Protein backbone atom coordinates (compact mmCIF):
# COMPACT_ATOMS: atom_id res chain seq x y z
CA MET A 1 -7.16 -6.15 37.08
CA MET A 2 -6.62 -2.96 35.06
CA GLU A 3 -3.70 -2.61 32.75
CA GLN A 4 -1.96 0.75 32.66
CA HIS A 5 -1.17 2.28 29.31
CA GLY A 6 0.89 5.29 28.44
CA THR A 7 3.73 4.92 30.94
CA ASP A 8 7.17 6.09 29.95
CA GLY A 9 8.35 2.50 29.49
CA ASP A 10 5.52 1.81 27.07
CA GLN A 11 6.31 4.96 25.11
CA ASP A 12 9.97 3.98 24.76
CA THR A 13 9.27 0.50 23.42
CA ARG A 14 6.66 1.49 20.84
CA PRO A 15 7.90 0.86 17.32
CA VAL A 16 8.64 3.90 15.18
CA ILE A 17 8.90 1.95 11.95
CA SER A 18 8.35 -1.70 11.13
CA MET A 19 10.87 -4.06 9.62
CA ARG A 20 8.59 -4.50 6.60
CA ALA A 21 8.42 -0.77 5.87
CA THR A 22 12.18 -0.48 6.26
CA GLU A 23 12.83 -3.43 3.93
CA LEU A 24 10.53 -1.93 1.30
CA ALA A 25 12.06 1.54 1.58
CA VAL A 26 15.67 0.35 1.43
CA ALA A 27 15.01 -2.08 -1.41
CA GLY A 28 13.16 0.62 -3.35
CA LEU A 29 15.97 3.14 -2.85
CA ALA A 30 18.61 0.58 -3.81
CA PHE A 31 16.64 -0.31 -6.93
CA ALA A 32 16.29 3.37 -7.89
CA PHE A 33 20.00 3.91 -7.27
CA GLY A 34 20.88 0.86 -9.39
CA ALA A 35 18.49 1.91 -12.17
CA LEU A 36 20.07 5.37 -12.30
CA PHE A 37 23.50 3.81 -12.70
CA VAL A 38 22.23 1.36 -15.32
CA TYR A 39 20.92 4.31 -17.33
CA THR A 40 24.11 6.35 -16.87
CA SER A 41 26.32 3.39 -17.76
CA TYR A 42 24.19 2.72 -20.84
CA ARG A 43 24.74 6.31 -21.97
CA LEU A 44 28.50 5.97 -21.44
CA GLY A 45 28.60 2.73 -23.39
CA PHE A 46 28.44 -0.63 -21.70
CA GLY A 47 29.69 -2.85 -24.47
CA TRP A 48 33.05 -4.07 -25.60
CA GLY A 49 35.01 -1.68 -27.81
CA THR A 50 38.11 -2.21 -29.92
CA GLU A 51 40.34 -1.30 -26.95
CA GLY A 52 38.42 -3.42 -24.46
CA PRO A 53 35.48 -2.66 -22.21
CA GLN A 54 33.86 0.74 -22.60
CA SER A 55 33.69 3.09 -19.61
CA GLY A 56 30.20 1.98 -18.58
CA PHE A 57 30.85 -1.77 -18.88
CA PHE A 58 31.54 -2.69 -15.24
CA PRO A 59 29.18 -0.13 -13.63
CA PHE A 60 26.38 -1.34 -15.93
CA TYR A 61 26.63 -4.96 -14.85
CA VAL A 62 27.19 -4.16 -11.18
CA SER A 63 24.11 -1.93 -11.30
CA LEU A 64 22.11 -4.72 -12.90
CA ILE A 65 23.10 -6.98 -10.00
CA ILE A 66 22.00 -4.28 -7.51
CA CYS A 67 18.65 -3.93 -9.31
CA GLY A 68 18.18 -7.71 -9.36
CA ALA A 69 18.98 -8.10 -5.66
CA SER A 70 16.67 -5.20 -4.79
CA ALA A 71 13.86 -6.72 -6.84
CA VAL A 72 14.27 -10.04 -5.01
CA ILE A 73 14.09 -8.25 -1.64
CA LEU A 74 11.02 -6.27 -2.74
CA VAL A 75 9.19 -9.40 -3.89
CA ARG A 76 10.19 -11.38 -0.80
CA THR A 77 9.02 -8.56 1.46
CA LEU A 78 5.73 -8.10 -0.37
CA LEU A 79 5.05 -11.84 -0.15
CA GLY A 80 5.61 -11.72 3.62
CA GLY A 81 9.15 -12.70 4.52
CA ALA A 82 9.90 -14.08 7.96
CA GLY A 83 10.31 -11.62 10.83
CA LEU A 84 9.03 -8.62 8.93
CA GLY A 85 6.26 -7.93 11.46
CA ALA A 86 8.83 -6.95 14.07
CA ALA A 87 9.83 -3.41 14.85
CA PHE A 88 12.88 -2.06 13.06
CA VAL A 89 13.49 0.60 15.67
CA GLU A 90 11.75 1.60 18.88
CA ARG A 91 11.40 5.15 20.18
CA LEU A 92 14.15 4.91 22.81
CA GLN A 93 16.56 3.37 20.30
CA LEU A 94 15.79 6.06 17.73
CA ARG A 95 16.21 8.80 20.33
CA ARG A 96 19.67 7.43 21.20
CA VAL A 97 20.73 7.20 17.58
CA LEU A 98 19.49 10.71 16.85
CA SER A 99 21.31 12.07 19.91
CA VAL A 100 24.55 11.14 18.12
CA PHE A 101 23.49 11.62 14.50
CA LEU A 102 22.01 15.11 14.73
CA PRO A 103 25.07 16.69 16.39
CA ALA A 104 27.27 14.99 13.78
CA LEU A 105 25.07 16.42 11.02
CA LEU A 106 25.31 19.90 12.57
CA PHE A 107 29.10 19.43 12.76
CA VAL A 108 29.25 18.74 9.03
CA PHE A 109 27.22 21.86 8.26
CA GLY A 110 29.25 23.83 10.80
CA ILE A 111 32.44 22.96 8.91
CA GLN A 112 31.01 24.76 5.89
CA LEU A 113 30.42 27.95 7.88
CA VAL A 114 33.23 28.20 10.42
CA GLY A 115 35.78 25.67 9.17
CA ILE A 116 37.00 22.37 10.50
CA TYR A 117 38.92 23.72 13.49
CA VAL A 118 36.21 25.85 15.09
CA ALA A 119 33.51 23.28 14.26
CA SER A 120 35.64 20.48 15.74
CA ALA A 121 36.25 22.36 18.96
CA ALA A 122 32.55 23.15 19.35
CA TYR A 123 31.56 19.58 18.50
CA ILE A 124 33.96 18.01 20.99
CA VAL A 125 33.04 20.46 23.78
CA LEU A 126 29.29 20.14 23.32
CA PHE A 127 29.36 16.38 22.79
CA MET A 128 31.40 15.84 25.95
CA ARG A 129 29.29 18.23 27.99
CA LEU A 130 25.79 17.30 26.82
CA LEU A 131 26.10 13.59 26.11
CA GLY A 132 29.11 12.62 28.21
CA LYS A 133 28.07 14.79 31.19
CA TYR A 134 31.67 15.97 31.72
CA SER A 135 32.37 19.27 33.43
CA TRP A 136 32.66 22.44 31.37
CA LEU A 137 36.33 22.75 32.34
CA ARG A 138 37.23 19.26 31.14
CA SER A 139 35.10 19.61 28.00
CA LEU A 140 36.63 22.97 27.06
CA SER A 141 40.15 21.80 27.87
CA LEU A 142 39.95 18.72 25.69
CA GLY A 143 37.92 20.30 22.90
CA VAL A 144 40.24 23.26 22.50
CA GLY A 145 43.38 21.22 23.23
CA VAL A 146 42.66 18.57 20.61
CA THR A 147 41.74 21.19 18.04
CA VAL A 148 44.88 23.25 18.70
CA ALA A 149 46.99 20.09 18.44
CA PHE A 150 45.46 19.28 15.04
CA PHE A 151 45.91 22.90 13.92
CA VAL A 152 49.60 22.80 14.80
CA MET A 153 50.06 19.39 13.21
CA PHE A 154 48.34 20.15 9.91
CA GLU A 155 48.87 23.89 9.38
CA ILE A 156 52.37 24.31 10.83
CA TRP A 157 54.18 20.96 10.72
CA PHE A 158 52.71 19.35 7.60
CA LYS A 159 51.82 22.65 5.90
CA VAL A 160 48.48 21.19 4.82
CA PRO A 161 45.81 23.86 5.04
CA LEU A 162 42.43 22.51 6.05
CA TYR A 163 39.14 24.18 5.20
CA LYS A 164 38.59 27.39 7.17
CA GLY A 165 34.91 27.90 6.32
CA LEU A 166 32.96 30.72 4.76
CA TRP A 167 33.36 32.92 7.83
CA ASN A 168 37.05 31.96 8.50
CA LEU A 169 37.07 32.59 12.23
CA THR A 170 40.74 31.51 12.36
CA ALA A 171 41.97 34.33 10.07
CA TRP A 172 43.56 36.07 13.08
CA THR A 173 46.12 33.22 13.27
CA GLY A 174 47.59 34.20 9.90
CA TYR A 175 46.74 30.83 8.36
């Protein structure tokens, strides 16, 4: 009996990254992050001064704890901890996560260019239409409606101006 390889189901369940590689990467990044804060706290002063603890006192010791915990995870992973041969994420799972993460990342960058209101409207409309499979009418109605409601609430009622972006596409409103 011949086994078939390369079907769509097989492609979706193939691991993208292993648990071991993920553990090593996260522990290494956490250690680097902790080491940076240890160094910075050392430069600020991590001892006890005449008025009490210096400004780097608490961050220094918290960072030491982060470095210690990261080192333990690194050693445990390198020595072959239990369950580290398993997949951390499979292709289908990663595709689903990225289908939410990438639009959110574009939304954040869009805020810089066109401001929070225009970016929010576009994000809601496109997210509803492309991922939620709603009609264009419903997507546009809710995307624009929610954004207009927030505009009225923040700009007019609370008089709290939110970021309009480099291109300020809402300048025609007078706000």
